Amino acid sequence: MNISLIIPTYNSSADLRLYLDSFLQYNSPENISFNIIDTSQDQELRKMEQEYSEKIKIKVHFMENKGYAAACNYGYKHPESSNVYIFSNPDIIFNSDIIERIKAEFDENTYGTVIQKNRYLKNCTFNLYPQFRNIFTEILFIHKFLNRLDYYNPRFISISGAFMIFGKKVLRGNGLFDENYFLYYEEDDYYYRLRLNRNFKIIKDKYIIHNIASSVEKNVAMNRFMVQMDSLYYYSKKFDDFRYLKNLIMLFKISSHFIQSHKEKLTYLLSRMKG
């Protein structure tokens, strides 16, 4: 079985080095290709490509930063055909021979993941689709219960985009990632489109570490909140099955725009009120 690891990166050379070193510590690179899709033009990756080329089959691609979905699609289109594709964040750390399990469990018709834990070893693999999240599910910490139970139901639950495994025929049937998203909800969209496919596998007796803080702490020159709201609004508009959420997002966007436009006046009024 041939497996393609597609790894979108953005100023992630330090993360990627840890990724590759931990992979090689526990896993054989036989029949594995590493496809790095970088959107930051990080030339350090060229040096790493030369450095690791004696150990693994690795190729670095540079592209314009059009988001995670676009990078995943680019990576899928460019490597030679494989039986299984893994779309992975660069801030993943391996701690077992998980690739052998993936080869044994997955084929061209299956999809799924491996249990993902954060750096505090808390499960962070599953969450409800956006349309099923509300103030009550947040107060009740439903996502924490899902992860404690390792529970997955594709009709209601999404898988973290940090390590997504798809057989070749699953990708062909479900299509590419929607490039209208940027940074947020790409995986929710993809899994929701795949929700009627019950041919999934979740490897529960092994796990990988998703060093989430490493990616979150990076500086990104954009308003993250507005980008997230734009992506969520697009998601809700696309599936059109929860109008209240679209209205709520629009209210957030209008409020945020108003605050940005009148920041000085509001600051002045608040100072007067405090005075």
C-alpha atoms as a PDB file:
ATOM      1  CA  MET A   1       0.000   0.000   0.000  1.00  0.00           C
ATOM      2  CA  ASN A   2       1.221   3.482  -0.922  1.00  0.00           C
ATOM      3  CA  ILE A   3       0.429   6.357   1.432  1.00  0.00           C
ATOM      4  CA  SER A   4       0.795  10.067   0.706  1.00  0.00           C
ATOM      5  CA  LEU A   5       1.232  12.382   3.678  1.00  0.00           C
ATOM      6  CA  ILE A   6       0.105  15.859   2.608  1.00  0.00           C
ATOM      7  CA  ILE A   7       1.316  18.485   5.074  1.00  0.00           C
ATOM      8  CA  PRO A   8       0.280  22.143   4.551  1.00  0.00           C
ATOM      9  CA  THR A   9       2.709  24.497   6.321  1.00  0.00           C
ATOM     10  CA  TYR A  10       3.066  28.184   7.122  1.00  0.00           C
ATOM     11  CA  ASN A  11       6.316  29.216   8.831  1.00  0.00           C
ATOM     12  CA  SER A  12       6.402  25.718  10.280  1.00  0.00           C
ATOM     13  CA  SER A  13       9.938  24.433   9.648  1.00  0.00           C
ATOM     14  CA  ALA A  14      10.606  23.863  13.374  1.00  0.00           C
ATOM     15  CA  ASP A  15       7.334  21.942  13.768  1.00  0.00           C
ATOM     16  CA  LEU A  16       8.024  19.940  10.627  1.00  0.00           C
ATOM     17  CA  ARG A  17      11.452  18.866  11.823  1.00  0.00           C
ATOM     18  CA  LEU A  18       9.942  17.489  15.034  1.00  0.00           C
ATOM     19  CA  TYR A  19       7.210  15.855  12.934  1.00  0.00           C
ATOM     20  CA  LEU A  20       9.676  14.052  10.664  1.00  0.00           C
ATOM     21  CA  ASP A  21      12.071  13.049  13.447  1.00  0.00           C
ATOM     22  CA  SER A  22       9.276  11.576  15.569  1.00  0.00           C
ATOM     23  CA  PHE A  23       7.868   9.782  12.529  1.00  0.00           C
ATOM     24  CA  LEU A  24      11.224   8.170  11.740  1.00  0.00           C
ATOM     25  CA  GLN A  25      11.768   7.197  15.363  1.00  0.00           C
ATOM     26  CA  TYR A  26       8.742   4.882  15.326  1.00  0.00           C
ATOM     27  CA  ASN A  27       7.739   4.265  11.702  1.00  0.00           C
ATOM     28  CA  SER A  28       9.197   2.882   8.508  1.00  0.00           C
ATOM     29  CA  PRO A  29       9.129   5.321   5.550  1.00  0.00           C
ATOM     30  CA  GLU A  30       8.705   2.464   3.067  1.00  0.00           C
ATOM     31  CA  ASN A  31       5.980   3.272   0.498  1.00  0.00           C
ATOM     32  CA  ILE A  32       5.350   6.636   2.192  1.00  0.00           C
ATOM     33  CA  SER A  33       5.675   9.970   0.404  1.00  0.00           C
ATOM     34  CA  PHE A  34       5.856  13.300   2.259  1.00  0.00           C
ATOM     35  CA  ASN A  35       4.399  16.234   0.346  1.00  0.00           C
ATOM     36  CA  ILE A  36       4.991  19.588   2.030  1.00  0.00           C
ATOM     37  CA  ILE A  37       2.721  22.370   0.746  1.00  0.00           C
ATOM     38  CA  ASP A  38       4.148  25.637   2.046  1.00  0.00           C
ATOM     39  CA  THR A  39       2.302  28.955   1.765  1.00  0.00           C
ATOM     40  CA  SER A  40       4.931  31.158   3.449  1.00  0.00           C
ATOM     41  CA  GLN A  41       7.824  30.663   0.988  1.00  0.00           C
ATOM     42  CA  ASP A  42       9.973  29.379   3.858  1.00  0.00           C
ATOM     43  CA  GLN A  43      13.326  28.630   2.209  1.00  0.00           C
ATOM     44  CA  GLU A  44      14.440  26.662   5.267  1.00  0.00           C
ATOM     45  CA  LEU A  45      12.224  23.891   3.911  1.00  0.00           C
ATOM     46  CA  ARG A  46      14.460  23.547   0.847  1.00  0.00           C
ATOM     47  CA  LYS A  47      17.375  22.763   3.152  1.00  0.00           C
ATOM     48  CA  MET A  48      15.253  20.256   5.025  1.00  0.00           C
ATOM     49  CA  GLU A  49      14.177  18.655   1.761  1.00  0.00           C
ATOM     50  CA  GLN A  50      17.818  18.009   0.887  1.00  0.00           C
ATOM     51  CA  GLU A  51      18.660  16.916   4.422  1.00  0.00           C
ATOM     52  CA  TYR A  52      15.870  14.334   4.722  1.00  0.00           C
ATOM     53  CA  SER A  53      15.859  13.122   1.106  1.00  0.00           C
ATOM     54  CA  GLU A  54      18.346  10.379   2.011  1.00  0.00           C
ATOM     55  CA  LYS A  55      15.940   8.997   4.623  1.00  0.00           C
ATOM     56  CA  ILE A  56      12.488   9.546   3.118  1.00  0.00           C
ATOM     57  CA  LYS A  57      10.695  10.377  -0.091  1.00  0.00           C
ATOM     58  CA  ILE A  58       9.994  14.097   0.383  1.00  0.00           C
ATOM     59  CA  LYS A  59       8.939  16.939  -1.901  1.00  0.00           C
ATOM     60  CA  VAL A  60       8.431  20.596  -0.982  1.00  0.00           C
ATOM     61  CA  HIS A  61       5.925  22.656  -2.988  1.00  0.00           C
ATOM     62  CA  PHE A  62       5.506  26.421  -2.651  1.00  0.00           C
ATOM     63  CA  MET A  63       2.182  28.100  -3.393  1.00  0.00           C
ATOM     64  CA  GLU A  64       0.311  31.313  -2.669  1.00  0.00           C
ATOM     65  CA  ASN A  65      -1.456  31.355   0.690  1.00  0.00           C
ATOM     66  CA  LYS A  66      -5.072  30.642  -0.234  1.00  0.00           C
ATOM     67  CA  GLY A  67      -5.888  28.707   2.917  1.00  0.00           C
ATOM     68  CA  TYR A  68      -5.731  25.172   4.277  1.00  0.00           C
ATOM     69  CA  ALA A  69      -8.318  23.759   1.864  1.00  0.00           C
ATOM     70  CA  ALA A  70      -6.450  25.068  -1.174  1.00  0.00           C
ATOM     71  CA  ALA A  71      -3.173  23.635   0.131  1.00  0.00           C
ATOM     72  CA  CYS A  72      -4.800  20.226   0.718  1.00  0.00           C
ATOM     73  CA  ASN A  73      -6.215  20.213  -2.818  1.00  0.00           C
ATOM     74  CA  TYR A  74      -2.867  21.214  -4.283  1.00  0.00           C
ATOM     75  CA  GLY A  75      -1.163  18.402  -2.386  1.00  0.00           C
ATOM     76  CA  TYR A  76      -3.744  15.856  -3.514  1.00  0.00           C
ATOM     77  CA  LYS A  77      -3.373  16.804  -7.170  1.00  0.00           C
ATOM     78  CA  HIS A  78       0.420  16.797  -7.324  1.00  0.00           C
ATOM     79  CA  PRO A  79       1.825  13.593  -5.780  1.00  0.00           C
ATOM     80  CA  GLU A  80       1.765  10.348  -7.654  1.00  0.00           C
ATOM     81  CA  SER A  81      -1.373   8.320  -7.109  1.00  0.00           C
ATOM     82  CA  SER A  82      -1.592   6.598  -3.724  1.00  0.00           C
ATOM     83  CA  ASN A  83      -4.027   4.193  -2.110  1.00  0.00           C
ATOM     84  CA  VAL A  84      -4.464   6.305   1.025  1.00  0.00           C
ATOM     85  CA  TYR A  85      -3.992  10.032   1.636  1.00  0.00           C
ATOM     86  CA  ILE A  86      -3.334  11.591   5.028  1.00  0.00           C
ATOM     87  CA  PHE A  87      -3.865  15.350   5.375  1.00  0.00           C
ATOM     88  CA  SER A  88      -1.842  16.368   8.386  1.00  0.00           C
ATOM     89  CA  ASN A  89      -0.857  19.458  10.343  1.00  0.00           C
ATOM     90  CA  PRO A  90       2.901  19.931  10.760  1.00  0.00           C
ATOM     91  CA  ASP A  91       2.524  20.200  14.554  1.00  0.00           C
ATOM     92  CA  ILE A  92       1.825  16.486  14.955  1.00  0.00           C
ATOM     93  CA  ILE A  93       4.180  14.366  17.077  1.00  0.00           C
ATOM     94  CA  PHE A  94       4.290  10.587  16.624  1.00  0.00           C
ATOM     95  CA  ASN A  95       4.859   8.282  19.575  1.00  0.00           C
ATOM     96  CA  SER A  96       4.179   4.817  18.102  1.00  0.00           C
ATOM     97  CA  ASP A  97       4.309   2.744  14.910  1.00  0.00           C
ATOM     98  CA  ILE A  98       0.929   4.078  13.833  1.00  0.00           C
ATOM     99  CA  ILE A  99       1.612   3.830  10.103  1.00  0.00           C
ATOM    100  CA  GLU A 100       1.634   0.035  10.251  1.00  0.00           C
ATOM    101  CA  ARG A 101      -1.800   0.146  11.887  1.00  0.00           C
ATOM    102  CA  ILE A 102      -3.080   2.518   9.229  1.00  0.00           C
ATOM    103  CA  LYS A 103      -1.836   0.165   6.510  1.00  0.00           C
ATOM    104  CA  ALA A 104      -3.631  -2.717   8.221  1.00  0.00           C
ATOM    105  CA  GLU A 105      -6.918  -0.898   8.953  1.00  0.00           C
ATOM    106  CA  PHE A 106      -7.458   1.382   5.954  1.00  0.00           C
ATOM    107  CA  ASP A 107      -7.961   0.848   2.244  1.00  0.00           C
ATOM    108  CA  GLU A 108      -9.132   2.883  -0.754  1.00  0.00           C
ATOM    109  CA  ASN A 109     -12.765   2.779   0.417  1.00  0.00           C
ATOM    110  CA  THR A 110     -12.349   3.861   4.048  1.00  0.00           C
ATOM    111  CA  TYR A 111     -11.743   7.097   5.909  1.00  0.00           C
ATOM    112  CA  GLY A 112     -11.181   8.147   9.497  1.00  0.00           C
ATOM    113  CA  THR A 113      -8.382   9.075  11.863  1.00  0.00           C
ATOM    114  CA  VAL A 114      -6.238   8.147  14.825  1.00  0.00           C
ATOM    115  CA  ILE A 115      -7.080   9.437  18.287  1.00  0.00           C
ATOM    116  CA  GLN A 116      -5.492  12.860  18.678  1.00  0.00           C
ATOM    117  CA  LYS A 117      -4.408  14.253  22.035  1.00  0.00           C
ATOM    118  CA  ASN A 118      -3.139  17.698  22.922  1.00  0.00           C
ATOM    119  CA  ARG A 119       0.150  18.295  24.698  1.00  0.00           C
ATOM    120  CA  TYR A 120      -1.625  17.700  28.030  1.00  0.00           C
ATOM    121  CA  LEU A 121      -2.721  14.291  26.698  1.00  0.00           C
ATOM    122  CA  LYS A 122      -6.391  15.285  26.564  1.00  0.00           C
ATOM    123  CA  ASN A 123      -8.356  13.827  23.657  1.00  0.00           C
ATOM    124  CA  CYS A 124      -9.114  16.525  21.055  1.00  0.00           C
ATOM    125  CA  THR A 125     -10.323  14.413  18.130  1.00  0.00           C
ATOM    126  CA  PHE A 126     -14.083  15.044  17.871  1.00  0.00           C
ATOM    127  CA  ASN A 127     -16.576  17.897  17.945  1.00  0.00           C
ATOM    128  CA  LEU A 128     -20.164  18.484  16.895  1.00  0.00           C
ATOM    129  CA  TYR A 129     -20.811  20.029  13.505  1.00  0.00           C
ATOM    130  CA  PRO A 130     -21.319  23.818  13.818  1.00  0.00           C
ATOM    131  CA  GLN A 131     -25.094  23.589  13.330  1.00  0.00           C
ATOM    132  CA  PHE A 132     -25.377  21.339  16.386  1.00  0.00           C
ATOM    133  CA  ARG A 133     -23.349  23.589  18.677  1.00  0.00           C
ATOM    134  CA  ASN A 134     -25.139  26.102  20.870  1.00  0.00           C
ATOM    135  CA  ILE A 135     -24.933  27.643  24.312  1.00  0.00           C
ATOM    136  CA  PHE A 136     -26.290  24.469  25.931  1.00  0.00           C
ATOM    137  CA  THR A 137     -23.809  22.092  24.274  1.00  0.00           C
ATOM    138  CA  GLU A 138     -20.997  24.459  25.309  1.00  0.00           C
ATOM    139  CA  ILE A 139     -22.195  24.744  28.919  1.00  0.00           C
ATOM    140  CA  LEU A 140     -22.566  20.967  29.132  1.00  0.00           C
ATOM    141  CA  PHE A 141     -19.136  20.424  27.518  1.00  0.00           C
ATOM    142  CA  ILE A 142     -20.584  17.909  25.074  1.00  0.00           C
ATOM    143  CA  HIS A 143     -17.381  17.900  23.020  1.00  0.00           C
ATOM    144  CA  LYS A 144     -15.432  16.780  26.092  1.00  0.00           C
ATOM    145  CA  PHE A 145     -17.774  13.846  26.646  1.00  0.00           C
ATOM    146  CA  LEU A 146     -17.472  12.841  22.988  1.00  0.00           C
ATOM    147  CA  ASN A 147     -13.699  12.778  23.325  1.00  0.00           C
ATOM    148  CA  ARG A 148     -13.678  10.972  26.655  1.00  0.00           C
ATOM    149  CA  LEU A 149     -15.851   8.262  25.138  1.00  0.00           C
ATOM    150  CA  ASP A 150     -13.987   8.262  21.781  1.00  0.00           C
ATOM    151  CA  TYR A 151     -17.438   8.510  20.219  1.00  0.00           C
ATOM    152  CA  TYR A 152     -17.942   9.233  16.530  1.00  0.00           C
ATOM    153  CA  ASN A 153     -21.139   9.388  14.486  1.00  0.00           C
ATOM    154  CA  PRO A 154     -20.628  10.982  11.034  1.00  0.00           C
ATOM    155  CA  ARG A 155     -24.177  12.378  10.960  1.00  0.00           C
ATOM    156  CA  PHE A 156     -23.531  14.718  13.895  1.00  0.00           C
ATOM    157  CA  ILE A 157     -19.801  14.748  14.629  1.00  0.00           C
ATOM    158  CA  SER A 158     -16.753  16.079  12.818  1.00  0.00           C
ATOM    159  CA  ILE A 159     -13.140  14.916  13.088  1.00  0.00           C
ATOM    160  CA  SER A 160     -10.258  17.284  13.801  1.00  0.00           C
ATOM    161  CA  GLY A 161      -8.535  18.469  10.628  1.00  0.00           C
ATOM    162  CA  ALA A 162      -5.091  17.911  12.139  1.00  0.00           C
ATOM    163  CA  PHE A 163      -4.855  14.289  10.906  1.00  0.00           C
ATOM    164  CA  MET A 164      -7.434  13.174   8.338  1.00  0.00           C
ATOM    165  CA  ILE A 165      -7.163   9.813   6.574  1.00  0.00           C
ATOM    166  CA  PHE A 166      -8.988   9.151   3.294  1.00  0.00           C
ATOM    167  CA  GLY A 167      -8.895   6.263   0.878  1.00  0.00           C
ATOM    168  CA  LYS A 168      -8.444   7.211  -2.772  1.00  0.00           C
ATOM    169  CA  LYS A 169     -11.980   6.217  -3.751  1.00  0.00           C
ATOM    170  CA  VAL A 170     -13.461   8.192  -0.841  1.00  0.00           C
ATOM    171  CA  LEU A 171     -11.736  11.348  -2.090  1.00  0.00           C
ATOM    172  CA  ARG A 172     -12.845  10.734  -5.637  1.00  0.00           C
ATOM    173  CA  GLY A 173     -16.437  10.222  -4.537  1.00  0.00           C
ATOM    174  CA  ASN A 174     -16.646  13.150  -2.110  1.00  0.00           C
ATOM    175  CA  GLY A 175     -14.633  15.632  -4.158  1.00  0.00           C
ATOM    176  CA  LEU A 176     -12.016  18.183  -3.180  1.00  0.00           C
ATOM    177  CA  PHE A 177     -11.993  20.514  -0.183  1.00  0.00           C
ATOM    178  CA  ASP A 178     -14.031  23.692  -0.597  1.00  0.00           C
ATOM    179  CA  GLU A 179     -11.544  26.534  -1.116  1.00  0.00           C
ATOM    180  CA  ASN A 180     -14.052  29.217  -0.109  1.00  0.00           C
ATOM    181  CA  TYR A 181     -13.008  28.558   3.494  1.00  0.00           C
ATOM    182  CA  PHE A 182      -9.890  30.078   4.996  1.00  0.00           C
ATOM    183  CA  LEU A 183      -8.416  28.697   8.238  1.00  0.00           C
ATOM    184  CA  TYR A 184     -11.725  27.528   9.727  1.00  0.00           C
ATOM    185  CA  TYR A 185     -14.401  24.854   9.083  1.00  0.00           C
ATOM    186  CA  GLU A 186     -12.772  23.172   6.078  1.00  0.00           C
ATOM    187  CA  GLU A 187     -12.893  19.795   7.813  1.00  0.00           C
ATOM    188  CA  ASP A 188     -16.434  20.327   9.118  1.00  0.00           C
ATOM    189  CA  ASP A 189     -17.593  20.974   5.574  1.00  0.00           C
ATOM    190  CA  TYR A 190     -15.799  17.918   4.211  1.00  0.00           C
ATOM    191  CA  TYR A 191     -17.020  15.490   6.859  1.00  0.00           C
ATOM    192  CA  TYR A 192     -20.562  16.838   6.720  1.00  0.00           C
ATOM    193  CA  ARG A 193     -20.639  16.121   2.989  1.00  0.00           C
ATOM    194  CA  LEU A 194     -19.370  12.644   3.856  1.00  0.00           C
ATOM    195  CA  ARG A 195     -21.860  12.047   6.682  1.00  0.00           C
ATOM    196  CA  LEU A 196     -23.837   9.263   4.952  1.00  0.00           C
ATOM    197  CA  ASN A 197     -20.696   7.192   4.376  1.00  0.00           C
ATOM    198  CA  ARG A 198     -20.459   4.707   7.262  1.00  0.00           C
ATOM    199  CA  ASN A 199     -17.248   3.064   6.068  1.00  0.00           C
ATOM    200  CA  PHE A 200     -15.031   4.778   8.642  1.00  0.00           C
ATOM    201  CA  LYS A 201     -12.255   3.595  10.934  1.00  0.00           C
ATOM    202  CA  ILE A 202     -11.097   5.188  14.180  1.00  0.00           C
ATOM    203  CA  ILE A 203      -7.893   3.785  15.657  1.00  0.00           C
ATOM    204  CA  LYS A 204      -8.510   4.110  19.389  1.00  0.00           C
ATOM    205  CA  ASP A 205      -5.774   2.074  21.050  1.00  0.00           C
ATOM    206  CA  LYS A 206      -2.985   4.344  19.787  1.00  0.00           C
ATOM    207  CA  TYR A 207      -2.747   8.100  19.546  1.00  0.00           C
ATOM    208  CA  ILE A 208      -0.745  10.962  18.111  1.00  0.00           C
ATOM    209  CA  ILE A 209      -0.011  14.268  19.819  1.00  0.00           C
ATOM    210  CA  HIS A 210      -1.368  17.443  18.284  1.00  0.00           C
ATOM    211  CA  ASN A 211       0.777  20.224  19.695  1.00  0.00           C
ATOM    212  CA  ILE A 212      -2.047  22.726  19.207  1.00  0.00           C
ATOM    213  CA  ALA A 213      -0.362  25.589  21.022  1.00  0.00           C
ATOM    214  CA  SER A 214       2.448  25.544  18.492  1.00  0.00           C
ATOM    215  CA  SER A 215       0.118  26.475  15.641  1.00  0.00           C
ATOM    216  CA  VAL A 216      -2.227  28.738  17.613  1.00  0.00           C
ATOM    217  CA  GLU A 217       0.587  30.884  19.004  1.00  0.00           C
ATOM    218  CA  LYS A 218       1.883  31.830  15.551  1.00  0.00           C
ATOM    219  CA  ASN A 219       1.217  35.414  14.510  1.00  0.00           C
ATOM    220  CA  VAL A 220      -1.140  35.712  11.564  1.00  0.00           C
ATOM    221  CA  ALA A 221      -1.598  39.101   9.920  1.00  0.00           C
ATOM    222  CA  MET A 222      -5.395  39.109   9.857  1.00  0.00           C
ATOM    223  CA  ASN A 223      -8.411  39.486  12.091  1.00  0.00           C
ATOM    224  CA  ARG A 224      -8.952  35.885  13.157  1.00  0.00           C
ATOM    225  CA  PHE A 225     -12.399  36.525  14.559  1.00  0.00           C
ATOM    226  CA  MET A 226     -13.713  38.057  11.341  1.00  0.00           C
ATOM    227  CA  VAL A 227     -12.131  35.312   9.236  1.00  0.00           C
ATOM    228  CA  GLN A 228     -13.793  32.709  11.444  1.00  0.00           C
ATOM    229  CA  MET A 229     -17.173  34.445  11.194  1.00  0.00           C
ATOM    230  CA  ASP A 230     -16.870  34.688   7.408  1.00  0.00           C
ATOM    231  CA  SER A 231     -16.107  30.971   7.155  1.00  0.00           C
ATOM    232  CA  LEU A 232     -18.919  30.044   9.526  1.00  0.00           C
ATOM    233  CA  TYR A 233     -21.384  32.231   7.639  1.00  0.00           C
ATOM    234  CA  TYR A 234     -20.379  30.577   4.375  1.00  0.00           C
ATOM    235  CA  TYR A 235     -20.805  27.132   5.963  1.00  0.00           C
ATOM    236  CA  SER A 236     -24.283  27.971   7.250  1.00  0.00           C
ATOM    237  CA  LYS A 237     -25.320  29.535   3.945  1.00  0.00           C
ATOM    238  CA  LYS A 238     -24.028  26.537   1.993  1.00  0.00           C
ATOM    239  CA  PHE A 239     -25.985  23.934   3.910  1.00  0.00           C
ATOM    240  CA  ASP A 240     -28.926  26.269   4.672  1.00  0.00           C
ATOM    241  CA  ASP A 241     -30.286  24.199   7.528  1.00  0.00           C
ATOM    242  CA  PHE A 242     -29.851  26.596  10.464  1.00  0.00           C
ATOM    243  CA  ARG A 243     -30.989  30.143   9.677  1.00  0.00           C
ATOM    244  CA  TYR A 244     -30.721  31.320  13.273  1.00  0.00           C
ATOM    245  CA  LEU A 245     -26.965  30.771  13.134  1.00  0.00           C
ATOM    246  CA  LYS A 246     -26.631  32.849   9.952  1.00  0.00           C
ATOM    247  CA  ASN A 247     -28.523  35.683  11.613  1.00  0.00           C
ATOM    248  CA  LEU A 248     -26.355  35.442  14.728  1.00  0.00           C
ATOM    249  CA  ILE A 249     -23.161  35.537  12.658  1.00  0.00           C
ATOM    250  CA  MET A 250     -24.401  38.536  10.705  1.00  0.00           C
ATOM    251  CA  LEU A 251     -25.158  40.300  14.001  1.00  0.00           C
ATOM    252  CA  PHE A 252     -21.611  39.589  15.199  1.00  0.00           C
ATOM    253  CA  LYS A 253     -20.136  40.903  11.950  1.00  0.00           C
ATOM    254  CA  ILE A 254     -22.213  44.091  12.000  1.00  0.00           C
ATOM    255  CA  SER A 255     -21.386  44.677  15.664  1.00  0.00           C
ATOM    256  CA  SER A 256     -17.674  44.102  15.061  1.00  0.00           C
ATOM    257  CA  HIS A 257     -17.677  46.443  12.075  1.00  0.00           C
ATOM    258  CA  PHE A 258     -19.476  49.117  14.094  1.00  0.00           C
ATOM    259  CA  ILE A 259     -16.984  48.827  16.946  1.00  0.00           C
ATOM    260  CA  GLN A 260     -14.017  49.055  14.574  1.00  0.00           C
ATOM    261  CA  SER A 261     -15.506  52.071  12.784  1.00  0.00           C
ATOM    262  CA  HIS A 262     -16.298  53.966  15.984  1.00  0.00           C
ATOM    263  CA  LYS A 263     -13.453  52.774  18.173  1.00  0.00           C
ATOM    264  CA  GLU A 264     -12.266  56.267  19.151  1.00  0.00           C
ATOM    265  CA  LYS A 265     -15.760  57.529  19.993  1.00  0.00           C
ATOM    266  CA  LEU A 266     -16.570  54.416  22.009  1.00  0.00           C
ATOM    267  CA  THR A 267     -13.268  54.640  23.880  1.00  0.00           C
ATOM    268  CA  TYR A 268     -14.002  58.271  24.687  1.00  0.00           C
ATOM    269  CA  LEU A 269     -17.533  57.491  25.908  1.00  0.00           C
ATOM    270  CA  LEU A 270     -16.291  54.629  28.076  1.00  0.00           C
ATOM    271  CA  SER A 271     -13.656  56.866  29.624  1.00  0.00           C
ATOM    272  CA  ARG A 272     -16.314  59.495  30.362  1.00  0.00           C
ATOM    273  CA  MET A 273     -18.552  56.847  31.951  1.00  0.00           C
ATOM    274  CA  LYS A 274     -15.687  55.638  34.151  1.00  0.00           C
ATOM    275  CA  GLY A 275     -14.862  59.235  35.046  1.00  0.00           C
END
